[in-house]
N, C-alpha and C. Protein backbone atom coordinates (compact mmCIF):
# COMPACT_ATOMS: atom_id res chain seq x y z
N MET A 1 80.50 87.41 108.95
CA MET A 1 79.10 86.88 109.32
C MET A 1 79.22 85.21 109.58
N TYR A 2 80.25 84.78 109.28
CA TYR A 2 80.64 83.01 109.20
C TYR A 2 80.36 82.68 110.86
N TYR A 3 80.42 83.12 111.90
CA TYR A 3 80.70 82.61 113.29
C TYR A 3 79.26 83.11 113.67
N ARG A 4 78.64 84.17 112.96
CA ARG A 4 77.21 84.51 113.61
C ARG A 4 76.05 83.66 113.15
N LYS A 5 76.35 82.73 112.05
CA LYS A 5 75.33 81.97 111.52
C LYS A 5 75.40 80.58 111.98
N THR A 6 74.54 79.95 111.86
CA THR A 6 74.37 78.51 112.25
C THR A 6 74.48 77.57 110.94
N GLY A 7 74.62 76.17 111.07
CA GLY A 7 74.59 75.47 109.88
C GLY A 7 75.75 75.91 108.79
N GLU A 8 75.40 75.12 107.86
CA GLU A 8 76.12 74.89 106.49
C GLU A 8 75.95 76.43 105.75
N ALA A 9 74.70 76.82 105.82
CA ALA A 9 74.53 77.75 104.56
C ALA A 9 74.85 78.87 105.66
N THR A 10 76.15 79.30 105.43
CA THR A 10 76.63 80.84 105.85
C THR A 10 76.50 81.83 104.92
N GLY A 11 76.18 81.90 104.01
CA GLY A 11 76.11 82.82 103.08
C GLY A 11 77.28 83.50 102.38
N VAL A 12 77.18 84.27 101.28
CA VAL A 12 78.67 84.78 100.74
C VAL A 12 77.96 86.24 100.05
N GLY A 13 79.01 87.23 99.97
CA GLY A 13 78.79 88.59 99.14
C GLY A 13 77.67 89.09 99.48
N ALA A 14 76.58 89.24 98.72
CA ALA A 14 75.61 89.93 98.87
C ALA A 14 74.65 89.87 100.07
N VAL A 15 74.64 88.53 100.32
CA VAL A 15 73.64 87.94 101.20
C VAL A 15 74.34 88.10 102.43
N ASN A 16 75.80 88.23 102.98
CA ASN A 16 76.09 88.44 104.29
C ASN A 16 76.34 89.99 104.38
N ARG A 17 76.33 90.68 103.43
CA ARG A 17 76.30 92.42 103.31
C ARG A 17 74.87 92.55 103.64
N ARG A 18 74.00 92.10 103.34
CA ARG A 18 72.37 92.39 103.77
C ARG A 18 72.38 91.88 105.36
N ALA A 19 72.70 90.87 105.75
CA ALA A 19 72.77 90.01 106.98
C ALA A 19 73.63 91.34 108.11
N MET A 20 74.63 91.69 107.60
CA MET A 20 75.67 92.46 108.54
C MET A 20 74.71 93.97 108.63
N GLN A 21 74.32 94.57 107.26
CA GLN A 21 73.36 95.86 107.47
C GLN A 21 72.46 95.72 108.38
N SER A 22 71.47 94.37 108.62
CA SER A 22 70.47 94.09 109.34
C SER A 22 70.81 94.27 110.82
N LEU A 23 71.77 93.86 110.99
CA LEU A 23 72.52 93.84 112.51
C LEU A 23 72.83 95.17 113.04
N VAL A 24 73.33 95.89 111.87
CA VAL A 24 73.46 97.56 112.21
C VAL A 24 72.34 98.30 112.31
N ASP A 25 71.32 97.82 111.55
CA ASP A 25 70.09 98.58 111.46
C ASP A 25 69.33 98.44 112.74
N GLN A 26 69.34 96.98 113.31
CA GLN A 26 69.01 96.71 114.74
C GLN A 26 69.87 97.29 115.72
N GLY A 27 70.88 98.07 115.68
CA GLY A 27 71.73 98.85 116.48
C GLY A 27 72.61 97.56 117.43
N THR A 28 72.97 96.88 116.61
CA THR A 28 74.03 95.93 117.03
C THR A 28 75.32 96.42 116.19
N VAL A 29 76.45 96.54 117.25
CA VAL A 29 77.82 96.83 116.69
C VAL A 29 78.32 95.53 116.55
N PRO A 30 78.59 95.32 115.31
CA PRO A 30 79.44 93.81 115.12
C PRO A 30 80.76 93.92 114.88
N GLY A 31 81.23 95.15 115.20
CA GLY A 31 82.87 95.30 114.88
C GLY A 31 83.21 96.84 115.14
N LEU A 32 84.55 96.88 114.96
CA LEU A 32 85.10 98.24 114.49
C LEU A 32 85.78 98.22 113.41
N ILE A 33 85.89 99.40 112.53
CA ILE A 33 86.75 99.75 111.54
C ILE A 33 87.90 100.77 111.71
N GLY A 34 88.77 100.67 111.15
CA GLY A 34 90.26 101.47 111.49
C GLY A 34 90.25 101.91 110.23
N TYR A 35 90.34 103.37 110.34
CA TYR A 35 90.36 104.51 109.12
C TYR A 35 92.07 105.14 109.25
N GLU A 36 92.18 105.33 107.91
CA GLU A 36 93.96 105.94 107.87
C GLU A 36 93.21 106.96 106.86
N ASP A 37 93.63 107.94 107.10
CA ASP A 37 93.22 109.43 106.02
C ASP A 37 91.73 109.20 105.36
N GLY A 38 90.83 108.77 106.49
CA GLY A 38 89.31 108.58 106.08
C GLY A 38 89.28 107.40 105.29
N VAL A 39 90.08 106.49 105.12
CA VAL A 39 89.92 105.54 104.30
C VAL A 39 89.75 104.17 105.25
N PRO A 40 88.79 103.41 104.88
CA PRO A 40 89.01 101.98 105.87
C PRO A 40 89.79 101.03 105.38
N VAL A 41 90.96 100.79 106.50
CA VAL A 41 91.96 99.83 106.12
C VAL A 41 91.78 98.79 107.01
N ALA A 42 90.99 98.71 108.24
CA ALA A 42 91.08 97.59 109.15
C ALA A 42 89.56 97.15 110.01
N TRP A 43 89.63 96.24 110.28
CA TRP A 43 88.43 95.67 110.58
C TRP A 43 88.70 94.33 111.92
N VAL A 44 88.04 94.68 113.03
CA VAL A 44 87.89 93.52 114.02
C VAL A 44 86.27 93.33 114.57
N SER A 45 85.97 91.89 114.44
CA SER A 45 84.92 91.51 114.69
C SER A 45 84.51 91.14 116.17
N LEU A 46 83.79 91.80 116.89
CA LEU A 46 83.72 91.25 118.28
C LEU A 46 82.23 91.66 118.63
N GLY A 47 81.91 90.92 119.88
CA GLY A 47 80.61 90.83 120.58
C GLY A 47 80.48 90.10 121.79
N PRO A 48 79.24 89.89 122.24
CA PRO A 48 78.88 89.05 123.41
C PRO A 48 79.17 87.64 122.63
N ARG A 49 79.65 86.71 123.57
CA ARG A 49 80.04 85.21 122.83
C ARG A 49 78.89 84.69 122.38
N GLU A 50 77.49 84.79 122.88
CA GLU A 50 76.18 84.20 122.37
C GLU A 50 75.89 84.88 121.10
N ALA A 51 76.55 85.78 120.59
CA ALA A 51 76.26 86.50 119.14
C ALA A 51 77.19 85.49 118.04
N TYR A 52 77.65 84.77 118.56
CA TYR A 52 78.54 83.83 117.36
C TYR A 52 77.89 82.37 117.73
N PRO A 53 77.15 81.78 117.30
CA PRO A 53 76.38 80.46 117.32
C PRO A 53 77.44 79.52 117.18
N LYS A 54 78.34 79.66 116.20
CA LYS A 54 79.30 78.58 115.86
C LYS A 54 80.44 78.28 116.66
N LEU A 55 80.53 79.17 117.48
CA LEU A 55 81.63 79.17 118.48
C LEU A 55 81.11 77.63 119.49
N ARG A 56 79.96 77.73 119.82
CA ARG A 56 79.56 76.37 120.69
C ARG A 56 79.76 75.32 120.19
N ARG A 57 80.02 75.15 118.73
CA ARG A 57 79.98 73.86 118.11
C ARG A 57 81.48 73.65 117.83
N SER A 58 82.57 74.59 117.70
CA SER A 58 83.84 74.58 117.54
C SER A 58 84.72 73.64 118.40
N PRO A 59 85.44 72.83 117.45
CA PRO A 59 86.41 71.79 118.83
C PRO A 59 87.39 72.63 119.20
N VAL A 60 87.63 73.84 118.49
CA VAL A 60 89.04 74.69 119.22
C VAL A 60 88.07 75.69 119.99
N MET A 61 86.93 76.51 119.57
CA MET A 61 86.48 77.41 120.31
C MET A 61 85.36 77.40 121.32
N LYS A 62 85.08 76.32 121.37
CA LYS A 62 84.06 76.15 122.33
C LYS A 62 84.13 76.37 123.50
N PRO A 63 83.16 76.86 124.34
CA PRO A 63 83.06 77.34 125.69
C PRO A 63 84.04 76.61 126.49
N VAL A 64 84.91 77.31 127.47
CA VAL A 64 85.79 76.87 128.16
C VAL A 64 84.99 76.56 129.53
N ASP A 65 84.48 77.45 129.78
CA ASP A 65 83.48 77.27 131.04
C ASP A 65 82.04 78.34 130.73
N GLU A 66 81.22 78.54 131.68
CA GLU A 66 80.05 78.97 131.30
C GLU A 66 79.89 80.58 131.73
N ARG A 67 81.27 81.14 132.16
CA ARG A 67 81.28 82.56 132.31
C ARG A 67 80.70 83.29 131.19
N PRO A 68 80.19 84.51 131.43
CA PRO A 68 80.11 85.50 130.31
C PRO A 68 81.21 86.12 129.94
N VAL A 69 81.51 85.91 128.31
CA VAL A 69 82.78 86.64 128.06
C VAL A 69 82.22 87.17 126.53
N TRP A 70 82.98 88.22 126.14
CA TRP A 70 82.76 88.65 124.99
C TRP A 70 83.91 88.09 124.00
N SER A 71 83.60 87.70 122.94
CA SER A 71 84.48 87.25 121.96
C SER A 71 85.26 88.10 120.62
N ILE A 72 86.34 87.93 120.36
CA ILE A 72 86.94 88.38 119.28
C ILE A 72 87.39 87.43 118.20
N VAL A 73 86.49 87.47 117.15
CA VAL A 73 86.47 86.40 116.04
C VAL A 73 87.50 86.41 114.99
N CYS A 74 87.88 87.74 114.44
CA CYS A 74 88.58 87.86 113.32
C CYS A 74 89.18 89.43 113.27
N PHE A 75 90.33 89.36 112.56
CA PHE A 75 90.98 90.67 111.81
C PHE A 75 90.93 90.70 110.52
N PHE A 76 90.74 92.03 109.80
CA PHE A 76 91.20 92.25 108.30
C PHE A 76 92.06 93.21 108.25
N VAL A 77 93.06 93.24 107.73
CA VAL A 77 93.75 94.57 107.55
C VAL A 77 94.19 94.44 106.06
N ASP A 78 93.59 95.61 105.42
CA ASP A 78 93.82 95.86 103.94
C ASP A 78 95.59 95.55 103.61
N ARG A 79 95.36 94.86 102.64
CA ARG A 79 96.84 94.42 101.76
C ARG A 79 97.68 95.33 102.01
N GLY A 80 97.49 96.72 101.57
CA GLY A 80 98.26 98.12 101.23
C GLY A 80 98.49 98.40 102.67
N ALA A 81 97.83 97.99 103.59
CA ALA A 81 98.18 98.84 105.12
C ALA A 81 98.88 97.79 106.23
N ARG A 82 99.18 96.65 105.47
CA ARG A 82 99.71 95.55 106.60
C ARG A 82 101.18 95.87 107.05
N GLY A 83 101.55 95.28 107.86
CA GLY A 83 103.12 95.57 108.68
C GLY A 83 103.34 97.30 109.27
N ARG A 84 101.95 97.30 109.40
CA ARG A 84 102.10 98.83 110.23
C ARG A 84 101.39 98.72 111.82
N GLY A 85 101.27 97.48 112.04
CA GLY A 85 100.59 97.45 113.83
C GLY A 85 99.30 97.67 113.63
N LEU A 86 98.52 97.60 112.56
CA LEU A 86 97.20 98.04 112.67
C LEU A 86 96.48 96.91 113.34
N ALA A 87 96.55 95.63 113.28
CA ALA A 87 95.87 94.63 114.18
C ALA A 87 96.20 95.00 115.68
N GLU A 88 97.23 94.96 116.12
CA GLU A 88 97.36 95.48 117.38
C GLU A 88 96.79 96.68 117.57
N ARG A 89 96.74 97.61 116.99
CA ARG A 89 95.91 99.00 117.16
C ARG A 89 94.50 98.36 117.50
N MET A 90 93.98 97.84 116.39
CA MET A 90 92.33 97.41 116.65
C MET A 90 92.23 96.47 118.00
N LEU A 91 93.36 95.63 118.17
CA LEU A 91 92.83 94.87 119.40
C LEU A 91 92.84 95.72 120.66
N ARG A 92 93.82 96.76 120.71
CA ARG A 92 93.37 97.91 121.84
C ARG A 92 92.33 98.66 121.82
N ALA A 93 91.67 99.24 120.66
CA ALA A 93 90.31 99.46 120.43
C ALA A 93 89.55 98.72 120.78
N ALA A 94 89.71 97.31 120.44
CA ALA A 94 88.49 96.32 120.85
C ALA A 94 88.27 96.12 122.06
N VAL A 95 89.31 96.35 123.03
CA VAL A 95 89.63 96.23 124.68
C VAL A 95 89.02 97.32 125.04
N ASP A 96 89.31 98.40 124.68
CA ASP A 96 88.60 99.71 124.98
C ASP A 96 86.90 99.76 125.03
N TYR A 97 86.74 99.22 123.76
CA TYR A 97 85.22 99.39 123.32
C TYR A 97 84.55 98.25 124.02
N GLU A 98 85.00 97.23 124.46
CA GLU A 98 84.33 96.33 125.07
C GLU A 98 84.10 96.74 126.50
N ARG A 99 85.36 97.12 127.15
CA ARG A 99 85.20 97.78 128.69
C ARG A 99 84.19 99.01 128.50
N SER A 100 83.98 99.55 127.73
CA SER A 100 83.03 100.69 127.76
C SER A 100 81.59 100.15 127.87
N ARG A 101 81.38 99.21 126.94
CA ARG A 101 80.14 98.26 127.07
C ARG A 101 79.81 97.40 128.07
N GLY A 102 80.44 97.36 129.10
CA GLY A 102 80.56 96.58 130.16
C GLY A 102 80.91 94.99 130.18
N ALA A 103 81.66 94.91 129.40
CA ALA A 103 82.22 93.63 129.48
C ALA A 103 83.31 93.52 130.53
N ARG A 104 83.40 92.04 131.02
CA ARG A 104 84.29 92.17 132.07
C ARG A 104 85.32 91.16 131.72
N LEU A 105 85.11 90.13 130.91
CA LEU A 105 86.08 88.97 130.33
C LEU A 105 85.79 89.01 128.99
N LEU A 106 87.28 89.18 128.41
CA LEU A 106 87.44 89.15 126.50
C LEU A 106 87.91 87.94 126.28
N GLU A 107 87.38 87.38 125.21
CA GLU A 107 88.00 85.83 124.66
C GLU A 107 88.68 86.08 123.31
N ALA A 108 89.39 85.16 123.06
CA ALA A 108 89.68 85.45 121.58
C ALA A 108 90.63 83.87 121.27
N TYR A 109 90.63 83.77 119.97
CA TYR A 109 90.89 82.34 119.56
C TYR A 109 92.27 82.43 118.52
N PRO A 110 93.28 82.98 118.85
CA PRO A 110 94.35 83.42 118.21
C PRO A 110 95.09 81.91 117.56
N VAL A 111 96.31 82.36 116.53
CA VAL A 111 97.12 81.23 116.06
C VAL A 111 98.42 81.62 116.91
N ASP A 112 98.70 80.34 117.33
CA ASP A 112 100.33 80.27 117.95
C ASP A 112 101.28 80.14 116.76
N VAL A 113 101.86 81.26 116.12
CA VAL A 113 102.57 81.38 115.05
C VAL A 113 104.32 80.14 115.42
N ASP A 114 104.40 80.06 116.60
CA ASP A 114 105.56 79.26 117.20
C ASP A 114 105.31 77.53 116.74
N ALA A 115 103.75 77.47 116.50
CA ALA A 115 103.39 75.93 116.46
C ALA A 115 102.87 75.86 114.87
N PRO A 116 102.70 74.45 114.72
CA PRO A 116 102.68 74.58 113.05
C PRO A 116 101.10 74.88 113.04
N ARG A 117 100.90 75.75 111.92
CA ARG A 117 99.54 76.37 111.59
C ARG A 117 99.46 76.20 110.13
N ASP A 118 98.30 76.77 109.92
CA ASP A 118 97.63 76.83 108.67
C ASP A 118 97.42 78.72 108.09
N ALA A 119 97.96 79.08 107.42
CA ALA A 119 98.06 80.51 107.00
C ALA A 119 96.99 81.15 106.90
N ASP A 120 95.93 80.47 106.26
CA ASP A 120 94.35 80.46 106.15
C ASP A 120 94.06 81.08 107.39
N SER A 121 94.33 80.59 108.45
CA SER A 121 93.66 81.02 110.02
C SER A 121 94.20 82.16 110.49
N MET A 122 95.18 83.23 109.97
CA MET A 122 95.49 83.96 110.64
C MET A 122 94.94 85.14 110.72
N PHE A 123 93.73 85.18 110.13
CA PHE A 123 92.66 86.42 110.61
C PHE A 123 92.21 86.38 111.84
N PHE A 124 92.38 85.35 112.64
CA PHE A 124 92.28 85.20 114.18
C PHE A 124 93.25 86.12 115.02
N GLY A 125 94.44 86.38 114.17
CA GLY A 125 95.51 87.18 115.09
C GLY A 125 96.49 86.43 115.49
N ALA A 126 97.61 86.67 115.89
CA ALA A 126 98.73 85.65 116.20
C ALA A 126 98.66 85.92 118.13
N LYS A 127 98.84 84.79 118.55
CA LYS A 127 99.14 84.67 119.91
C LYS A 127 99.81 85.81 120.52
N SER A 128 100.91 85.80 119.92
CA SER A 128 102.03 86.99 120.51
C SER A 128 101.25 88.30 120.83
N MET A 129 100.42 88.71 119.73
CA MET A 129 99.63 90.07 119.54
C MET A 129 98.91 89.96 120.90
N TYR A 130 98.29 88.99 121.21
CA TYR A 130 97.10 89.00 122.40
C TYR A 130 98.31 88.81 123.83
N ASP A 131 99.22 88.10 123.69
CA ASP A 131 100.19 88.19 124.75
C ASP A 131 100.91 89.50 125.18
N ARG A 132 100.92 90.06 124.25
CA ARG A 132 101.58 91.55 124.75
C ARG A 132 100.29 92.66 125.15
N ALA A 133 99.02 92.15 124.73
CA ALA A 133 98.24 93.08 125.14
C ALA A 133 97.47 92.72 126.66
N GLY A 134 98.39 91.35 126.97
CA GLY A 134 97.89 91.27 128.57
C GLY A 134 96.84 90.13 128.56
N PHE A 135 96.67 89.48 127.51
CA PHE A 135 95.85 88.16 127.11
C PHE A 135 96.30 86.85 127.88
N ARG A 136 95.57 86.05 128.48
CA ARG A 136 96.15 84.84 128.97
C ARG A 136 95.70 83.34 128.47
N GLU A 137 96.49 82.67 128.11
CA GLU A 137 96.34 81.12 127.57
C GLU A 137 94.98 80.55 128.74
N VAL A 138 94.02 79.91 128.33
CA VAL A 138 93.18 79.23 129.40
C VAL A 138 92.82 78.06 128.74
N ALA A 139 93.12 77.62 127.49
CA ALA A 139 92.93 76.34 127.12
C ALA A 139 93.39 76.28 125.63
N ARG A 140 94.02 74.92 125.45
CA ARG A 140 94.44 74.80 123.86
C ARG A 140 94.04 73.27 123.45
N ARG A 141 93.38 73.32 122.66
CA ARG A 141 92.70 71.94 122.11
C ARG A 141 93.33 71.74 120.71
N ARG A 142 93.96 72.45 119.94
CA ARG A 142 95.02 71.85 119.04
C ARG A 142 96.43 72.61 119.09
N PRO A 143 97.24 71.77 118.57
CA PRO A 143 98.77 72.47 118.73
C PRO A 143 98.78 73.90 118.58
N ALA A 144 98.15 74.53 117.65
CA ALA A 144 98.47 75.69 117.33
C ALA A 144 97.08 77.00 117.63
N ARG A 145 96.29 76.34 118.48
CA ARG A 145 95.31 76.97 118.63
C ARG A 145 94.79 77.18 119.88
N PRO A 146 95.34 78.22 120.63
CA PRO A 146 94.87 78.58 121.85
C PRO A 146 93.80 79.29 122.15
N VAL A 147 93.18 79.11 123.32
CA VAL A 147 91.94 80.08 123.63
C VAL A 147 92.75 81.03 124.73
N VAL A 148 92.59 82.26 124.61
CA VAL A 148 93.29 83.32 125.33
C VAL A 148 91.95 84.19 126.20
N ARG A 149 92.20 84.78 127.13
CA ARG A 149 91.24 85.75 127.87
C ARG A 149 91.81 86.87 128.51
N LYS A 150 91.28 88.02 128.66
CA LYS A 150 91.63 89.06 129.49
C LYS A 150 90.47 89.41 130.51
N THR A 151 90.96 89.74 131.71
CA THR A 151 89.91 90.54 132.50
C THR A 151 89.94 91.67 132.48
N LEU A 152 89.00 92.34 132.08
CA LEU A 152 88.78 93.69 131.96
C LEU A 152 88.35 94.50 133.26
N ARG A 153 89.07 95.64 133.55
CA ARG A 153 88.39 96.40 134.47
C ARG A 153 88.09 97.90 134.09
N THR A 154 86.82 98.27 134.81
CA THR A 154 86.55 99.55 134.39
C THR A 154 87.78 100.49 134.70
N ARG A 155 87.75 101.77 133.94
CA ARG A 155 88.49 102.71 133.75
C ARG A 155 88.47 103.14 135.31
N GLY A 156 89.69 103.53 136.14
CA GLY A 156 89.62 104.24 137.34
C GLY A 156 89.48 103.30 138.67
N ALA A 157 88.99 101.76 138.19
CA ALA A 157 88.97 100.76 139.08
C ALA A 157 90.31 100.35 139.76
């Protein structure tokens, strides 16, 4: 919920759970959940860029231009499920989902693990994962924090 809110009061715990439930109740799909054997083990947060007000003010993730984009802002993989490529599978699912929703341009804000980085920011995903998925760097405002994009085409186009 952090990037979906404005100001300093971003909420925690129950406050964020209620805010997320409210989004879902209104028909918003705030992200995708990955399951293994019926158990949720992974998450990717995605949506139209305007759904994330904090991105506009971010020195790293502020808009590159005025083109309409969908953004991927974070991943989560359960500690016990890590190391099996789930984040990459969730990225592929996000691309497919966003394409099905009519998105034409997808943007993300990964961490370049070849550059000095803060390990706490790895929830954005590694740049190498996005590179393998066909994303291209369009901006870099800090040494370890590129902005990457992928143009989506409709299936059969």
